[in-house]
Protein backbone atom coordinates (compact mmCIF):
# COMPACT_ATOMS: atom_id res chain seq x y z
CA MET A 1 -18.94 -15.98 -51.34
CA LYS A 2 -15.45 -14.44 -51.27
CA GLN A 3 -16.60 -12.04 -48.57
CA ILE A 4 -17.94 -14.94 -46.46
CA LEU A 5 -14.67 -16.87 -46.85
CA LEU A 6 -12.71 -13.77 -45.89
CA ILE A 7 -14.79 -13.27 -42.76
CA LEU A 8 -14.36 -16.95 -41.78
CA LEU A 9 -10.62 -16.70 -42.32
CA VAL A 10 -10.33 -13.63 -40.11
CA CYS A 11 -12.40 -15.33 -37.39
CA LEU A 12 -10.21 -18.43 -37.51
CA MET A 13 -7.07 -16.33 -37.27
CA ARG A 14 -8.42 -14.53 -34.22
CA ALA A 15 -9.54 -17.77 -32.64
CA GLY A 16 -6.14 -19.33 -33.25
CA SER A 17 -4.33 -16.41 -31.67
CA SER A 18 -6.61 -16.34 -28.62
CA LEU A 19 -6.54 -20.11 -28.09
CA ALA A 20 -2.83 -20.71 -28.57
CA GLN A 21 -1.13 -21.62 -25.29
CA ASP A 22 2.53 -22.10 -24.49
CA LEU A 23 4.34 -24.46 -22.14
CA ILE A 24 7.25 -23.63 -19.82
CA VAL A 25 9.05 -26.46 -18.03
CA THR A 26 11.27 -25.21 -15.20
CA THR A 27 14.59 -26.67 -14.09
CA ALA A 28 12.75 -27.83 -10.95
CA GLY A 29 10.45 -29.96 -13.12
CA ASP A 30 7.32 -27.77 -12.88
CA SER A 31 5.10 -27.32 -15.95
CA ILE A 32 3.47 -23.94 -16.50
CA PHE A 33 0.66 -23.56 -19.05
CA CYS A 34 0.70 -19.94 -20.10
CA LYS A 35 0.85 -17.36 -22.87
CA ILE A 36 4.38 -15.96 -23.28
CA THR A 37 4.19 -12.22 -23.98
CA ARG A 38 7.84 -11.21 -24.33
CA GLU A 39 11.45 -12.06 -23.49
CA ARG A 40 13.88 -9.39 -22.32
CA ASP A 41 17.00 -8.93 -20.19
CA GLY A 42 17.22 -12.58 -19.16
CA TYR A 43 13.54 -12.89 -18.19
CA VAL A 44 10.47 -14.45 -19.81
CA TYR A 45 7.20 -12.59 -19.21
CA PHE A 46 3.95 -14.54 -19.43
CA ASN A 47 0.23 -14.51 -18.70
CA TYR A 48 -1.43 -17.44 -16.90
CA ILE A 49 -4.69 -18.44 -15.20
CA LYS A 50 -4.84 -18.88 -11.42
CA GLU A 51 -8.22 -19.92 -9.97
CA GLY A 52 -10.04 -18.40 -12.93
CA VAL A 53 -8.17 -15.07 -12.72
CA SER A 54 -5.65 -13.93 -15.30
CA ALA A 55 -2.32 -12.57 -14.06
CA ASN A 56 1.06 -11.46 -15.40
CA THR A 57 4.39 -12.56 -13.97
CA LEU A 58 7.93 -13.42 -15.05
CA ILE A 59 10.63 -16.07 -14.65
CA ALA A 60 14.39 -15.99 -15.13
CA SER A 61 15.50 -17.58 -18.40
CA ASP A 62 18.11 -19.72 -16.63
CA SER A 63 15.29 -21.30 -14.57
CA ILE A 64 13.68 -22.68 -17.74
CA ALA A 65 14.60 -26.19 -18.92
CA GLU A 66 12.23 -26.25 -21.90
CA LYS A 67 9.91 -23.83 -23.66
CA ARG A 68 7.29 -24.72 -26.31
CA MET A 69 5.27 -22.11 -28.17
CA GLY A 70 1.68 -22.60 -29.38
CA LEU A 71 1.56 -26.14 -28.07
CA TYR A 72 -1.88 -26.27 -26.47
CA LYS A 73 -5.32 -25.02 -27.45
CA THR A 74 -6.78 -23.82 -24.18
CA ARG A 75 -7.86 -20.22 -23.96
CA VAL A 76 -5.73 -17.88 -21.85
CA ARG A 77 -7.66 -14.68 -21.33
CA ASN A 78 -5.70 -11.54 -22.01
CA VAL A 79 -5.18 -9.30 -18.98
CA GLY A 80 -6.42 -6.44 -21.13
CA GLU A 81 -9.88 -8.05 -20.96
CA ALA A 82 -10.17 -6.96 -17.32
CA GLY A 83 -9.12 -10.41 -16.10
CA PHE A 84 -7.75 -8.79 -12.92
CA THR A 85 -9.15 -6.99 -9.90
CA ARG A 86 -10.02 -3.39 -10.77
CA TRP A 87 -11.15 -2.16 -7.34
CA GLN A 88 -9.17 -2.91 -4.20
CA TYR A 89 -10.18 -2.07 -0.61
CA ARG A 90 -7.85 -2.43 2.38
CA LEU A 91 -8.47 -2.14 6.14
CA GLN A 92 -5.56 -2.27 8.57
CA GLY A 93 -4.33 -1.55 12.06
CA GLY A 94 -1.16 -1.91 14.08
CA TYR A 95 1.80 -0.28 15.79
CA SER A 96 2.99 3.27 15.14
CA ARG A 97 6.32 4.78 16.20
CA ARG A 98 7.14 8.48 15.89
CA ILE A 99 10.70 8.94 14.68
CA ALA A 100 11.46 12.57 15.62
CA ARG A 101 14.50 12.76 17.91
CA VAL A 102 14.02 13.93 21.50
CA SER A 103 16.40 16.78 22.28
CA ASP A 104 19.19 16.16 24.79
CA GLN A 105 18.44 19.62 26.22
CA VAL A 106 15.25 18.52 28.00
CA ALA A 107 15.25 17.34 31.63
CA PRO A 108 15.66 13.56 32.18
CA GLY A 109 12.11 13.16 33.55
CA VAL A 110 10.60 15.03 30.61
CA LYS A 111 12.75 13.09 28.15
CA ASP A 112 11.43 9.80 29.56
CA TYR A 113 7.84 11.02 29.12
CA LEU A 114 8.48 12.22 25.55
CA THR A 115 10.12 8.91 24.67
CA LYS A 116 7.07 6.99 25.91
CA MET A 117 4.86 9.29 23.80
CA LYS A 118 6.60 8.01 20.66
CA SER A 119 4.74 4.67 20.69
CA GLY A 120 1.07 4.36 19.78
CA TYR A 121 -1.37 2.66 17.46
CA THR A 122 -2.73 3.30 14.00
CA LEU A 123 -5.96 2.43 12.17
CA GLY A 124 -6.75 3.09 8.53
CA GLY A 125 -7.90 2.04 5.13
CA ASP A 126 -7.64 2.85 1.45
CA ILE A 127 -9.42 2.39 -1.87
CA HIS A 128 -7.61 2.02 -5.20
CA TYR A 129 -8.79 1.64 -8.77
CA PHE A 130 -6.30 -0.25 -10.96
CA ILE A 131 -6.06 1.27 -14.44
CA SER A 132 -3.83 -1.70 -15.34
CA GLU A 133 -2.92 -4.85 -13.45
CA PRO A 134 0.19 -3.28 -11.81
CA LEU A 135 -0.92 0.35 -11.27
CA GLY A 136 -3.70 1.59 -9.00
CA LEU A 137 -4.73 5.14 -8.05
CA GLY A 138 -6.86 6.05 -5.06
CA VAL A 139 -7.20 7.63 -1.63
CA LYS A 140 -6.14 6.55 1.85
CA TYR A 141 -6.91 7.53 5.45
CA ASN A 142 -4.93 6.92 8.64
CA PHE A 143 -5.64 7.67 12.30
CA ASN A 144 -2.79 7.67 14.84
CA ALA A 145 -3.02 7.99 18.61
CA TYR A 146 -0.40 8.33 21.37
CA GLN A 147 -1.01 8.69 25.12
CA TYR A 148 0.86 9.20 28.39
CA LYS A 149 -0.83 9.30 31.79
CA ASP A 150 0.51 9.98 35.26
CA THR A 151 -1.04 10.83 38.63
CA ASP A 152 -1.82 14.49 37.88
CA PHE A 153 -0.79 14.72 34.23
CA GLU A 154 -2.16 13.36 30.97
CA ASP A 155 -1.12 13.91 27.36
CA LYS A 156 -3.07 12.60 24.36
CA VAL A 157 -2.00 13.15 20.75
CA LYS A 158 -4.29 12.36 17.80
CA MET A 159 -3.41 12.66 14.12
CA HIS A 160 -5.51 12.23 10.99
CA TYR A 161 -3.95 11.77 7.56
CA ILE A 162 -5.90 11.77 4.29
CA ALA A 163 -4.02 11.49 1.01
CA ILE A 164 -4.07 10.64 -2.66
CA SER A 165 -2.22 7.40 -3.28
CA ALA A 166 -0.57 5.38 -6.05
CA LEU A 167 -0.01 1.66 -5.57
CA ASN A 168 2.06 -0.69 -7.71
CA ARG A 169 1.48 -4.42 -7.28
CA LEU A 170 3.05 -7.62 -8.57
CA VAL A 171 0.81 -10.71 -8.54
CA LEU A 172 2.97 -13.79 -8.09
CA ARG A 173 2.32 -17.25 -9.52
CA SER A 174 1.17 -18.32 -6.05
CA ASP A 175 -1.53 -15.57 -6.28
CA ASN A 176 0.20 -13.70 -3.45
CA GLU A 177 0.94 -10.01 -4.01
CA ILE A 178 3.84 -7.65 -3.41
CA SER A 179 2.91 -3.96 -3.36
CA LEU A 180 4.80 -0.67 -3.25
CA GLY A 181 3.04 2.65 -2.74
CA VAL A 182 3.52 6.40 -2.49
CA ASN A 183 1.09 8.99 -1.11
CA LEU A 184 0.75 12.73 -0.56
CA GLY A 185 -1.85 14.48 1.58
CA TYR A 186 -2.91 16.56 4.58
CA GLN A 187 -1.84 15.76 8.14
CA SER A 188 -3.82 17.18 11.08
CA TYR A 189 -2.47 17.34 14.64
CA LEU A 190 -4.21 17.58 18.03
CA ASP A 191 -2.41 17.53 21.39
CA GLN A 192 -4.60 17.54 24.53
CA LEU A 193 -2.74 18.12 27.80
CA THR A 194 -4.22 18.11 31.30
CA SER A 195 -2.07 19.11 34.28
CA LEU A 196 -3.39 19.78 37.80
CA GLY A 197 -6.89 20.41 36.44
CA THR A 198 -5.73 22.81 33.70
CA ASP A 199 -6.44 21.92 30.07
CA LEU A 200 -4.28 22.92 27.13
CA HIS A 201 -5.17 22.16 23.49
CA ILE A 202 -2.65 22.45 20.67
CA THR A 203 -3.76 22.01 17.05
CA GLY A 204 -2.12 22.30 13.65
CA GLY A 205 -1.97 20.95 10.15
CA THR A 206 0.59 20.46 7.40
CA LEU A 207 1.51 18.56 4.26
CA GLY A 208 2.57 14.93 4.59
CA ALA A 209 4.16 12.38 2.25
CA GLY A 210 4.61 8.66 2.66
CA LEU A 211 5.98 5.40 1.26
CA GLU A 212 4.77 1.86 1.91
CA ALA A 213 5.54 -1.76 1.08
CA GLY A 214 3.32 -4.77 1.66
CA TYR A 215 2.80 -8.48 1.11
CA ALA A 216 -0.62 -10.13 0.75
CA PHE A 217 -1.70 -13.78 0.69
CA ARG A 218 -5.12 -15.30 0.03
CA VAL A 219 -7.24 -16.46 2.97
CA ALA A 220 -10.62 -16.63 1.19
CA LYS A 221 -11.97 -16.48 -2.36
CA SER A 222 -12.60 -12.73 -2.17
CA ALA A 223 -10.11 -11.69 0.52
CA LYS A 224 -6.41 -11.63 1.29
CA ALA A 225 -4.56 -10.94 4.51
CA PHE A 226 -1.63 -8.55 4.26
CA LEU A 227 1.30 -7.15 6.21
CA ASN A 228 2.43 -3.59 5.59
CA LEU A 229 5.37 -1.35 6.48
CA ALA A 230 4.85 2.40 6.02
CA TRP A 231 6.89 5.56 6.54
CA LEU A 232 5.44 9.07 6.68
CA SER A 233 7.23 12.41 6.81
CA SER A 234 5.55 15.57 8.12
CA THR A 235 6.54 18.63 10.20
CA ILE A 236 4.44 21.24 12.04
CA THR A 237 5.78 24.81 11.79
CA LYS A 238 2.76 26.70 13.17
CA ILE A 239 0.36 25.78 16.01
CA ASN A 240 -2.86 27.06 17.54
CA VAL A 241 -2.89 27.06 21.35
CA GLU A 242 -6.08 27.22 23.44
CA SER A 243 -6.25 27.35 27.24
CA GLY A 244 -8.79 28.86 29.63
CA GLY A 245 -10.84 30.33 26.79
CA ARG A 246 -7.83 32.09 25.29
CA LYS A 247 -6.63 31.27 21.78
CA GLU A 248 -3.30 32.10 20.19
CA THR A 249 -1.51 31.22 16.94
CA ILE A 250 2.22 30.69 17.30
CA LYS A 251 4.76 30.40 14.49
CA LEU A 252 7.51 28.09 15.69
CA ARG A 253 11.21 28.75 15.39
CA LYS A 254 13.18 26.20 13.40
CA ASP A 255 14.50 24.52 16.54
CA GLU A 256 10.91 24.24 17.85
CA PHE A 257 9.40 22.49 14.80
CA GLU A 258 7.27 19.46 15.75
CA GLY A 259 8.17 16.38 13.75
CA LEU A 260 5.20 14.13 12.98
CA GLY A 261 7.18 11.55 10.99
CA ARG A 262 6.53 7.93 11.90
CA LEU A 263 6.95 4.28 11.02
CA GLU A 264 3.92 1.98 10.98
CA VAL A 265 3.81 -1.82 11.06
CA THR A 266 0.29 -3.03 10.32
CA ALA A 267 -1.78 -6.06 9.38
CA GLY A 268 -5.15 -6.15 7.69
CA LEU A 269 -7.51 -7.51 5.08
CA LEU A 270 -7.63 -6.78 1.36
CA PHE A 271 -10.83 -7.10 -0.69
CA GLY A 272 -11.24 -6.72 -4.43
CA LYS A 273 -13.72 -6.95 -7.27
């Protein structure tokens, strides 16, 4: 009998701890039903339910008019119970701008052509697995293209970037997301030039590293639209040149290095499960 009473007592204690819910009343008059997890450095951290999904967020202490602990008896699922999206898939496309400076030493006509070659488009996607609500690890892929065409001259540049990626996200009370990411991977380079019927192909590859920041908002139950700003740094120091059946590998001098760095402004869709 004592063992049965002990088991019942433990169960009741667990039930009480899982069912206890707190109340935060903001200075704007909003009521937030939540589970307060900690208070630190002028902020109150709490867990709450938004459309059946559990999320963590915070609020400044000076924005709180009233706070009541253990007031309600509605279950708030702990984020540790996988009450958040583990897998996240993103598809995106948009504008890409190469940021390497065009030398003042080139002829004005050539400089105009090189400046026009800075603008292009980008397409890509990534997959992340979130080991916790804020932190996700995964892989990403980007394709970039730039083109210039004249009467008897054409230049097309294509770049592929595949990288390992880490993404940190903050899910807001509105269910929108802010994300910051870092990535490191391999950048390939292909430049196809055609002039007066003569073809010239230049290829290369190097290490690349990037940073990104994004904002996502829900447009459907299982999807969010997002805007993203990304920066990538990469430099080619050796190229392979092919023309008329002849191939040659050239190691560039420092003043000849080809900068592949770029800024990307994209929009896309985010899916999760």
